[in-house]
C-alpha cells in the first residue's frame, strides 16, 4: 500500500532533488539516533520509490548479492578481526607497554613516546581503533597522569595514535577500500605503510619537541624506579613481549608483499599466529576463546550490515542521477584538479564528523572514484589520501568516536572538554601529512611499484 502510494509520485524528483533528499534523510536519521545500516537502507527504499521507481529495488538486491556479498576479498575482514581479538585477549599488549615503558621512561615524554610506539605495533596487529584506544587508555592514561604528565598530551597522544589502526596495514578499512576500488589489497597495504609510519613519527617528534620546550608536560620516570629493573631483565622482557607481535606483523605483511599469499590467505596466517600467542600468553580458558569468537562475529556483522545498506543507498543514488550531479559539481569547482580534490577531501572530512569510516568509504567511493578516474588521477594515491584524511573522522566532534572510546575508560579528572582540546594539535599534524603526501606522491606510490608490481 505504501509502496503504491510512493510509486504514484515516482519520477517527481529530479536528480538534484533526489541528491538533497537522500543526504538530508541520511542526516535526519542519524541525528534521530537510528543505526547507520538501517538509515542507509531505509533512505534508499524511500528514494527509490520517489525517484527512479520502486522497480529498481530488484536491481539493488541483485547488486547486493552479486557485488557486495559475493566478494572473496571481504573474507579477510572477519579473519583480521578475529586475529585482533585473539591478540587483545592474550594480554601481550599490557606486557609490551610495560617493557617499552621501562626502556623509554628515562626520556622526557618517554611514556607518551611509548604510547605512540605500542600503538603503531597495535595498529599493525589489530587494525581496530576502538580496541587500541580502550586498551591504551586503560594501561597508559592513569600511569601517565600519576607521573605528572599533562592531561591534554596524555589523552591526545592515546587517541591520535590509536586511530592509526585504520591506516597502518593490515587494516580492515583498507580491505574494504580495496573491494570498492580497482586497487588490489596488496598495493593498498604497501601504499598506506609509509603514510601510516609517517604519522606515527610525526606524533613522536611532536611529543619529544613539546616535552623539550615544556619539560613539565612529560617528566621522566624517577631513577630509583628505573633501577629496579636490570639491563638483562629489560632485554629479556623486550625479547619475550615485543618480538612476538613484531613477528606476527612480519609474517602477515611479508607473505602479502612478497606475493606468497593473498590478503585472505595472509589473514588466515595472522589468525593462526595470533592464536598461538593467545595460547602462550593468554589464560587459555575455553570461555575466553568462545567470547573472542562472539565479539569478532559481532564486529563483522556490524560491518556487513553497513555494507548492505550502503550498497542499496549508492545504487539508488547512481540510478537516480545523483552521481552525475556530484560529478558535475566537483568538475565545476574553480581551480581545476586541485579545487576538485580539495572539495572531495573536505567532504570526507565533514562526513567524518557524523559517520564512522565504514559509512564514509561505502558512500563516497562509488561516487568519487569514477570522478577521479575521469580526471586522470592515480586512484591508489587518492584512496590512501582518503585513508589519511579519515584519521580525523575519529578525532573531530561532535561524533569523534575516539573521544568517547577514551572517555569511557578515563579517570574522572579527565573531562570531555579536555579531550576536545587534546586532539587539535594532532589534527594539525594530520593536515601537514596530507600536504606532504600531495607534494611528494611517491611516498604513497613508490613502495607498491617496488613490492607488489603496482602500475
Protein backbone atom coordinates (compact mmCIF):
# COMPACT_ATOMS: atom_id res chain seq x y z
CA UNK A 1 0.00 0.00 0.00
CA UNK A 2 2.73 2.42 0.99
CA UNK A 3 4.81 1.31 -1.99
CA UNK A 4 1.88 2.01 -4.35
CA UNK A 5 1.39 5.45 -2.81
CA UNK A 6 5.06 6.34 -3.18
CA UNK A 7 5.18 4.93 -6.69
CA UNK A 8 2.32 7.23 -7.67
CA UNK A 9 4.64 10.19 -7.17
CA UNK A 10 7.67 8.49 -8.74
CA UNK A 11 9.76 10.46 -11.19
CA UNK A 12 8.62 13.65 -9.38
CA UNK A 13 12.13 14.16 -8.03
CA UNK A 14 14.82 15.48 -10.32
CA UNK A 15 18.39 14.19 -9.81
CA UNK A 16 19.22 17.37 -7.91
CA UNK A 17 16.20 16.97 -5.64
CA UNK A 18 16.97 13.29 -5.15
CA UNK A 19 20.53 14.15 -4.07
CA UNK A 20 19.28 16.63 -1.49
CA UNK A 21 16.54 14.25 -0.29
CA UNK A 22 18.88 11.30 0.21
CA UNK A 23 21.60 13.15 2.11
CA UNK A 24 19.05 15.09 4.16
CA UNK A 25 17.31 11.82 5.02
CA UNK A 26 20.66 10.31 6.00
CA UNK A 27 21.50 13.18 8.36
CA UNK A 28 18.00 13.25 9.91
CA UNK A 29 18.05 9.51 10.53
CA UNK A 30 21.47 9.66 12.17
CA UNK A 31 20.56 12.61 14.40
CA UNK A 32 17.45 10.69 15.49
CA UNK A 33 19.81 8.00 16.77
CA UNK A 34 18.98 5.18 14.36
CA UNK A 35 21.72 2.68 13.34
CA UNK A 36 23.62 3.70 10.21
CA UNK A 37 22.89 0.47 8.31
CA UNK A 38 19.11 0.86 8.65
CA UNK A 39 19.18 4.59 7.91
CA UNK A 40 21.04 3.89 4.67
CA UNK A 41 18.70 1.08 3.64
CA UNK A 42 15.53 2.93 4.62
CA UNK A 43 16.57 6.10 2.81
CA UNK A 44 17.38 4.02 -0.28
CA UNK A 45 13.89 2.46 -0.32
CA UNK A 46 12.12 5.81 0.07
CA UNK A 47 14.33 7.48 -2.53
CA UNK A 48 13.78 4.64 -4.99
CA UNK A 49 10.01 4.99 -4.71
CA UNK A 50 10.11 8.78 -5.00
CA UNK A 51 12.74 8.90 -7.74
CA UNK A 52 13.55 6.20 -10.30
CA UNK A 53 10.69 3.94 -9.12
CA UNK A 54 10.32 1.01 -6.73
CA UNK A 55 11.13 -1.46 -9.52
CA UNK A 56 14.83 -0.58 -9.20
CA UNK A 57 14.91 -2.25 -5.78
CA UNK A 58 15.12 -5.63 -7.53
CA UNK A 59 18.28 -4.46 -9.28
CA UNK A 60 19.67 -3.22 -5.99
CA UNK A 61 19.09 -6.60 -4.33
CA UNK A 62 20.92 -8.30 -7.19
CA UNK A 63 23.75 -5.78 -6.77
CA UNK A 64 23.98 -6.50 -3.05
CA UNK A 65 24.36 -10.25 -3.57
CA UNK A 66 26.32 -10.07 -6.81
CA UNK A 67 28.86 -7.42 -5.88
CA UNK A 68 28.88 -6.87 -2.15
CA UNK A 69 28.23 -10.24 -0.53
CA UNK A 70 29.87 -12.40 -3.21
CA UNK A 71 33.25 -10.71 -2.80
CA UNK A 72 36.14 -13.04 -1.95
CA UNK A 73 38.32 -10.20 -0.65
CA UNK A 74 35.83 -9.45 2.13
CA UNK A 75 36.55 -12.86 3.69
CA UNK A 76 39.72 -11.27 5.08
CA UNK A 77 37.70 -8.86 7.24
CA UNK A 78 36.36 -11.37 9.81
CA UNK A 79 39.74 -13.14 9.88
CA UNK A 80 41.68 -9.94 10.65
CA UNK A 81 39.06 -9.02 13.26
CA UNK A 82 39.48 -12.47 14.84
CA UNK A 83 43.26 -12.01 14.80
CA UNK A 84 42.84 -8.70 16.62
CA UNK A 85 40.57 -10.24 19.24
CA UNK A 86 42.98 -13.09 19.98
CA UNK A 87 45.82 -10.59 20.44
CA UNK A 88 43.69 -8.38 22.64
CA UNK A 89 42.70 -11.31 24.86
CA UNK A 90 46.24 -12.68 25.06
CA UNK A 91 47.35 -9.85 27.34
CA UNK A 92 50.51 -9.30 25.30
CA UNK A 93 49.68 -5.60 24.84
CA UNK A 94 49.97 -4.80 28.54
CA UNK A 95 53.27 -6.65 28.80
CA UNK A 96 54.59 -4.93 25.68
CA UNK A 97 53.67 -1.48 27.05
CA UNK A 98 55.36 -2.16 30.37
CA UNK A 99 58.53 -3.33 28.60
CA UNK A 100 58.67 -0.21 26.41
CA UNK A 101 57.91 1.99 29.42
CA UNK A 102 60.94 0.60 31.23
CA UNK A 103 63.06 1.23 28.13
CA UNK A 104 61.93 4.81 27.38
CA UNK A 105 60.84 6.02 30.82
CA UNK A 106 64.13 7.84 31.40
CA UNK A 107 63.44 10.21 28.48
CA UNK A 108 61.28 13.34 28.84
CA UNK A 109 57.97 12.39 27.29
CA UNK A 110 59.06 8.75 27.33
CA UNK A 111 55.67 7.40 28.39
CA UNK A 112 53.92 9.34 25.61
CA UNK A 113 56.55 8.07 23.18
CA UNK A 114 55.86 4.55 24.44
CA UNK A 115 52.16 5.04 23.69
CA UNK A 116 53.00 6.01 20.09
CA UNK A 117 55.31 3.03 19.51
CA UNK A 118 52.98 0.48 21.10
CA UNK A 119 50.00 1.96 19.24
CA UNK A 120 51.85 1.60 15.93
CA UNK A 121 52.52 -2.05 16.74
CA UNK A 122 48.89 -2.49 17.81
CA UNK A 123 47.73 -0.85 14.59
CA UNK A 124 49.74 -3.34 12.58
CA UNK A 125 48.35 -6.29 14.52
CA UNK A 126 44.75 -5.38 15.41
CA UNK A 127 43.52 -2.75 12.94
CA UNK A 128 40.59 -1.92 15.25
CA UNK A 129 40.55 1.65 16.58
CA UNK A 130 38.15 1.08 19.46
CA UNK A 131 40.21 -1.80 20.84
CA UNK A 132 43.50 0.11 20.53
CA UNK A 133 42.23 3.26 22.25
CA UNK A 134 40.40 1.39 25.01
CA UNK A 135 43.39 -0.83 25.77
CA UNK A 136 45.90 2.04 25.72
CA UNK A 137 43.54 4.19 27.77
CA UNK A 138 43.31 1.51 30.44
CA UNK A 139 47.01 0.67 30.65
CA UNK A 140 48.63 4.06 29.87
CA UNK A 141 46.44 7.03 30.84
CA UNK A 142 46.42 6.52 34.61
CA UNK A 143 50.22 5.89 34.83
CA UNK A 144 50.89 8.99 32.70
CA UNK A 145 48.76 11.17 34.97
CA UNK A 146 50.38 9.54 38.01
CA UNK A 147 53.85 10.52 36.77
CA UNK A 148 52.72 14.14 36.26
CA UNK A 149 52.07 14.18 32.52
CA UNK A 150 49.89 16.93 31.08
CA UNK A 151 46.27 15.77 30.66
CA UNK A 152 45.97 17.12 27.12
CA UNK A 153 49.18 15.49 25.94
CA UNK A 154 48.30 12.17 27.60
CA UNK A 155 44.79 11.98 26.17
CA UNK A 156 45.70 13.40 22.77
CA UNK A 157 48.55 11.00 22.08
CA UNK A 158 46.44 7.97 23.09
CA UNK A 159 43.53 8.98 20.84
CA UNK A 160 45.60 10.02 17.82
CA UNK A 161 47.94 7.04 17.98
CA UNK A 162 45.03 4.65 18.49
CA UNK A 163 43.44 5.89 15.26
CA UNK A 164 46.43 4.58 13.29
CA UNK A 165 44.68 1.20 13.42
CA UNK A 166 42.60 2.10 10.36
CA UNK A 167 45.64 3.21 8.34
CA UNK A 168 48.64 1.01 9.09
CA UNK A 169 48.25 -2.39 7.37
CA UNK A 170 46.80 -4.89 7.79
CA UNK A 171 43.66 -2.81 8.24
CA UNK A 172 40.05 -3.85 7.71
CA UNK A 173 39.34 -0.36 6.36
CA UNK A 174 41.96 -0.80 3.64
CA UNK A 175 40.46 -4.19 2.73
CA UNK A 176 37.03 -2.60 2.38
CA UNK A 177 38.53 0.22 0.30
CA UNK A 178 40.23 -2.28 -1.99
CA UNK A 179 36.96 -4.17 -2.51
CA UNK A 180 35.32 -0.95 -3.73
CA UNK A 181 38.19 0.22 -5.93
CA UNK A 182 40.32 -1.21 -8.77
CA UNK A 183 43.36 -1.24 -6.45
CA UNK A 184 44.48 -4.61 -5.04
CA UNK A 185 44.69 -5.17 -1.29
CA UNK A 186 48.46 -5.74 -1.52
CA UNK A 187 49.04 -2.47 -3.38
CA UNK A 188 46.87 -0.57 -0.93
CA UNK A 189 48.64 -2.08 2.08
CA UNK A 190 52.01 -1.13 0.59
CA UNK A 191 50.81 2.37 -0.31
CA UNK A 192 49.46 3.06 3.18
CA UNK A 193 52.50 1.75 5.06
CA UNK A 194 54.76 4.80 4.69
CA UNK A 195 51.99 7.39 5.38
CA UNK A 196 50.98 5.44 8.50
CA UNK A 197 54.54 5.30 9.78
CA UNK A 198 54.97 8.99 8.87
CA UNK A 199 52.04 9.93 11.07
CA UNK A 200 53.42 7.83 13.91
CA UNK A 201 56.82 9.51 13.50
CA UNK A 202 55.23 12.98 13.48
CA UNK A 203 53.36 12.21 16.69
CA UNK A 204 56.61 11.01 18.29
CA UNK A 205 58.53 14.11 17.16
CA UNK A 206 55.73 16.36 18.44
CA UNK A 207 55.88 14.66 21.85
CA UNK A 208 59.67 14.98 22.11
CA UNK A 209 59.74 18.62 20.98
CA UNK A 210 56.85 19.62 23.26
CA UNK A 211 58.46 17.96 26.28
CA UNK A 212 61.79 19.60 25.41
CA UNK A 213 60.16 23.04 25.34
CA UNK A 214 57.88 22.34 28.32
CA UNK A 215 59.60 19.69 30.50
CA UNK A 216 56.73 19.70 32.99
CA UNK A 217 54.42 18.22 30.33
CA UNK A 218 56.27 14.87 30.37
CA UNK A 219 58.72 14.32 33.24
CA UNK A 220 60.95 11.22 33.15
CA UNK A 221 60.39 8.26 35.46
CA UNK A 222 62.40 8.51 38.68
CA UNK A 223 65.87 6.95 38.58
CA UNK A 224 65.13 4.84 41.68
CA UNK A 225 62.19 3.16 39.94
CA UNK A 226 64.21 2.56 36.77
CA UNK A 227 66.98 0.94 38.81
CA UNK A 228 64.60 -1.79 39.96
CA UNK A 229 64.94 -3.47 36.55
CA UNK A 230 68.41 -4.51 35.39
CA UNK A 231 69.57 -4.25 31.78
CA UNK A 232 69.47 -8.02 31.41
CA UNK A 233 65.91 -8.19 32.69
CA UNK A 234 64.88 -5.40 30.32
CA UNK A 235 66.43 -7.12 27.31
CA UNK A 236 64.68 -10.36 28.26
CA UNK A 237 61.32 -8.56 28.56
CA UNK A 238 61.77 -6.90 25.17
CA UNK A 239 62.67 -10.23 23.58
CA UNK A 240 59.75 -12.01 25.23
CA UNK A 241 56.95 -9.46 24.81
CA UNK A 242 57.88 -7.18 21.88
CA UNK A 243 59.40 -9.70 19.46
CA UNK A 244 56.30 -11.96 19.13
CA UNK A 245 53.93 -9.18 17.94
CA UNK A 246 56.60 -7.95 15.53
CA UNK A 247 56.98 -11.49 14.19
CA UNK A 248 53.23 -11.55 13.59
CA UNK A 249 53.43 -8.28 11.64
CA UNK A 250 56.34 -9.51 9.52
CA UNK A 251 54.62 -12.84 8.92
CA UNK A 252 51.38 -11.31 7.65
CA UNK A 253 52.75 -8.35 5.69
CA UNK A 254 55.81 -10.25 4.48
CA UNK A 255 53.69 -13.03 2.99
CA UNK A 256 51.44 -10.46 1.34
CA UNK A 257 54.11 -8.13 -0.05
CA UNK A 258 56.28 -10.99 -1.27
CA UNK A 259 53.36 -12.38 -3.24
CA UNK A 260 53.39 -15.63 -1.28
CA UNK A 261 49.81 -15.16 -0.07
CA UNK A 262 46.70 -13.20 -0.98
CA UNK A 263 45.06 -10.89 1.56
CA UNK A 264 42.64 -13.62 2.60
CA UNK A 265 45.42 -16.19 2.97
CA UNK A 266 47.58 -13.69 4.88
CA UNK A 267 44.69 -13.03 7.26
CA UNK A 268 44.42 -16.77 7.92
CA UNK A 269 48.15 -16.85 8.68
CA UNK A 270 47.61 -13.96 11.08
CA UNK A 271 44.79 -15.75 12.90
CA UNK A 272 46.95 -18.86 13.34
CA UNK A 273 49.88 -16.84 14.72
CA UNK A 274 47.62 -14.77 16.99
CA UNK A 275 46.02 -17.94 18.34
CA UNK A 276 49.47 -19.29 19.18
CA UNK A 277 50.23 -16.06 21.10
CA UNK A 278 46.88 -16.42 22.88
CA UNK A 279 47.84 -19.96 23.95
CA UNK A 280 51.25 -18.76 25.16
CA UNK A 281 50.30 -15.52 26.95
CA UNK A 282 46.53 -15.78 27.49
CA UNK A 283 44.55 -17.59 30.16
CA UNK A 284 43.73 -20.46 27.73
CA UNK A 285 40.18 -20.69 29.09
CA UNK A 286 37.51 -22.08 26.78
CA UNK A 287 35.13 -19.29 27.85
CA UNK A 288 37.64 -16.63 26.80
CA UNK A 289 38.11 -18.29 23.42
CA UNK A 290 34.33 -18.50 23.00
CA UNK A 291 33.91 -14.79 23.82
CA UNK A 292 36.65 -13.96 21.34
CA UNK A 293 34.71 -15.61 18.52
CA UNK A 294 31.45 -13.96 19.63
CA UNK A 295 32.98 -10.46 19.71
CA UNK A 296 34.65 -10.99 16.34
CA UNK A 297 31.30 -12.10 14.94
CA UNK A 298 29.54 -9.02 16.31
CA UNK A 299 32.08 -6.65 14.75
CA UNK A 300 31.96 -8.46 11.41
CA UNK A 301 28.15 -8.40 11.39
CA UNK A 302 28.15 -4.65 12.01
CA UNK A 303 30.47 -4.06 9.06
CA UNK A 304 28.43 -6.31 6.76
CA UNK A 305 25.09 -4.71 7.71
CA UNK A 306 26.51 -1.27 6.89
CA UNK A 307 27.88 -2.68 3.63
CA UNK A 308 24.42 -3.92 2.59
CA UNK A 309 22.74 -0.62 3.49
CA UNK A 310 25.41 1.47 1.76
CA UNK A 311 25.25 -0.68 -1.39
CA UNK A 312 21.49 -0.05 -1.58
CA UNK A 313 21.97 3.67 -0.92
CA UNK A 314 24.67 4.23 -3.54
CA UNK A 315 22.84 2.02 -6.05
CA UNK A 316 19.64 4.09 -5.87
CA UNK A 317 21.73 7.27 -5.81
CA UNK A 318 23.50 6.30 -9.04
CA UNK A 319 20.36 5.12 -10.87
CA UNK A 320 18.52 8.30 -9.83
CA UNK A 321 21.21 10.52 -11.34
CA UNK A 322 22.80 11.65 -8.09
CA UNK A 323 26.26 10.55 -9.16
CA UNK A 324 26.06 12.81 -12.22
CA UNK A 325 25.01 15.74 -10.02
CA UNK A 326 28.00 15.29 -7.71
CA UNK A 327 30.34 14.77 -10.68
CA UNK A 328 29.20 18.00 -12.34
CA UNK A 329 29.56 19.88 -9.05
CA UNK A 330 33.09 18.61 -8.45
CA UNK A 331 34.29 19.18 -12.02
CA UNK A 332 32.84 22.72 -12.00
CA UNK A 333 34.93 23.72 -9.00
CA UNK A 334 37.32 26.65 -9.60
CA UNK A 335 40.97 25.70 -9.52
CA UNK A 336 40.66 22.66 -11.76
CA UNK A 337 42.05 19.42 -10.39
CA UNK A 338 43.29 20.98 -7.14
CA UNK A 339 39.91 22.56 -6.45
CA UNK A 340 38.09 19.29 -7.17
CA UNK A 341 40.41 17.32 -4.86
CA UNK A 342 40.07 19.88 -2.08
CA UNK A 343 36.28 19.67 -2.32
CA UNK A 344 36.30 15.86 -2.14
CA UNK A 345 38.72 15.78 0.79
CA UNK A 346 36.63 18.45 2.53
CA UNK A 347 33.51 16.33 2.03
CA UNK A 348 35.29 13.31 3.55
CA UNK A 349 36.42 15.47 6.48
CA UNK A 350 32.92 16.84 7.12
CA UNK A 351 31.33 13.38 6.81
CA UNK A 352 33.88 12.21 9.37
CA UNK A 353 32.23 14.47 11.94
CA UNK A 354 29.00 12.47 11.67
CA UNK A 355 29.81 8.98 10.29
CA UNK A 356 32.39 6.33 11.05
CA UNK A 357 34.86 5.19 8.40
CA UNK A 358 32.68 2.28 7.25
CA UNK A 359 29.83 4.52 6.16
CA UNK A 360 32.13 7.12 4.61
CA UNK A 361 34.03 4.60 2.48
CA UNK A 362 30.92 2.79 1.31
CA UNK A 363 29.12 6.05 0.49
CA UNK A 364 31.91 8.07 -1.08
CA UNK A 365 33.88 5.56 -3.14
CA UNK A 366 31.16 4.60 -5.64
CA UNK A 367 30.59 8.33 -6.21
CA UNK A 368 34.13 9.74 -6.10
CA UNK A 369 36.27 7.07 -7.76
CA UNK A 370 34.64 7.42 -11.22
CA UNK A 371 35.31 11.17 -11.00
CA UNK A 372 38.94 10.56 -10.03
CA UNK A 373 39.33 8.14 -12.94
CA UNK A 374 37.86 10.72 -15.34
CA UNK A 375 40.32 13.34 -14.09
CA UNK A 376 43.28 11.01 -14.68
CA UNK A 377 44.42 11.00 -11.04
CA UNK A 378 46.23 7.95 -9.64
CA UNK A 379 43.49 6.03 -7.82
CA UNK A 380 45.96 4.39 -5.41
CA UNK A 381 47.20 7.82 -4.32
CA UNK A 382 43.65 9.12 -3.87
CA UNK A 383 42.47 6.09 -1.88
CA UNK A 384 45.41 6.32 0.54
CA UNK A 385 44.87 10.08 0.88
CA UNK A 386 41.26 9.43 1.84
CA UNK A 387 42.51 6.90 4.40
CA UNK A 388 44.79 9.57 5.90
CA UNK A 389 42.03 12.18 5.97
CA UNK A 390 39.77 9.63 7.66
CA UNK A 391 42.15 9.69 10.63
CA UNK A 392 40.29 12.85 11.57
CA UNK A 393 36.90 11.09 11.45
CA UNK A 394 37.64 9.53 14.84
CA UNK A 395 39.04 12.74 16.34
CA UNK A 396 36.64 15.52 15.32
CA UNK A 397 33.48 16.34 17.30
CA UNK A 398 30.54 16.04 17.57
CA UNK A 399 30.76 12.28 16.87
CA UNK A 400 34.50 11.70 17.19
CA UNK A 401 34.45 8.08 18.28
CA UNK A 402 37.97 8.20 19.73
CA UNK A 403 36.81 10.84 22.20
CA UNK A 404 34.08 8.57 23.52
CA UNK A 405 36.24 5.44 23.49
CA UNK A 406 38.77 7.15 25.76
CA UNK A 407 36.19 8.94 27.90
CA UNK A 408 34.67 5.55 28.70
CA UNK A 409 37.89 4.35 30.37
CA UNK A 410 39.41 7.67 31.54
CA UNK A 411 39.60 8.66 35.22
CA UNK A 412 37.07 11.30 36.43
CA UNK A 413 39.55 14.19 36.32
CA UNK A 414 39.75 13.93 32.51
CA UNK A 415 36.75 15.90 31.23
CA UNK A 416 35.20 15.79 27.76
CA UNK A 417 36.39 19.35 27.08
CA UNK A 418 39.95 18.22 27.84
CA UNK A 419 39.60 15.56 25.14
CA UNK A 420 38.26 18.05 22.58
CA UNK A 421 41.23 20.34 23.18
CA UNK A 422 43.72 17.46 23.18
CA UNK A 423 43.05 16.40 19.58
CA UNK A 424 43.64 19.84 18.00
CA UNK A 425 47.45 19.61 17.55
CA UNK A 426 47.18 16.06 16.23
CA UNK A 427 44.57 17.08 13.65
CA UNK A 428 47.03 19.76 12.50
CA UNK A 429 49.74 17.10 12.18
CA UNK A 430 47.40 15.02 10.01
CA UNK A 431 46.82 18.09 7.82
CA UNK A 432 50.59 18.62 7.47
CA UNK A 433 50.97 14.96 6.49
CA UNK A 434 48.29 15.38 3.81
CA UNK A 435 50.19 18.35 2.37
CA UNK A 436 53.46 16.37 2.30
CA UNK A 437 51.78 13.41 0.60
CA UNK A 438 50.35 15.76 -2.02
CA UNK A 439 53.72 17.39 -2.71
CA UNK A 440 55.54 14.05 -2.73
CA UNK A 441 53.07 11.45 -4.10
CA UNK A 442 55.86 8.87 -4.44
CA UNK A 443 55.62 8.44 -0.65
CA UNK A 444 52.42 6.56 -1.46
CA UNK A 445 53.08 5.08 -4.89
CA UNK A 446 56.79 4.24 -4.54
CA UNK A 447 56.54 1.16 -2.31
CA UNK A 448 53.73 -0.55 -4.27
CA UNK A 449 55.69 -0.16 -7.50
CA UNK A 450 58.66 -1.97 -5.95
CA UNK A 451 56.98 -4.55 -3.76
CA UNK A 452 53.77 -5.62 -5.46
CA UNK A 453 54.32 -4.53 -9.04
CA UNK A 454 51.64 -1.86 -8.99
CA UNK A 455 51.38 0.13 -12.20
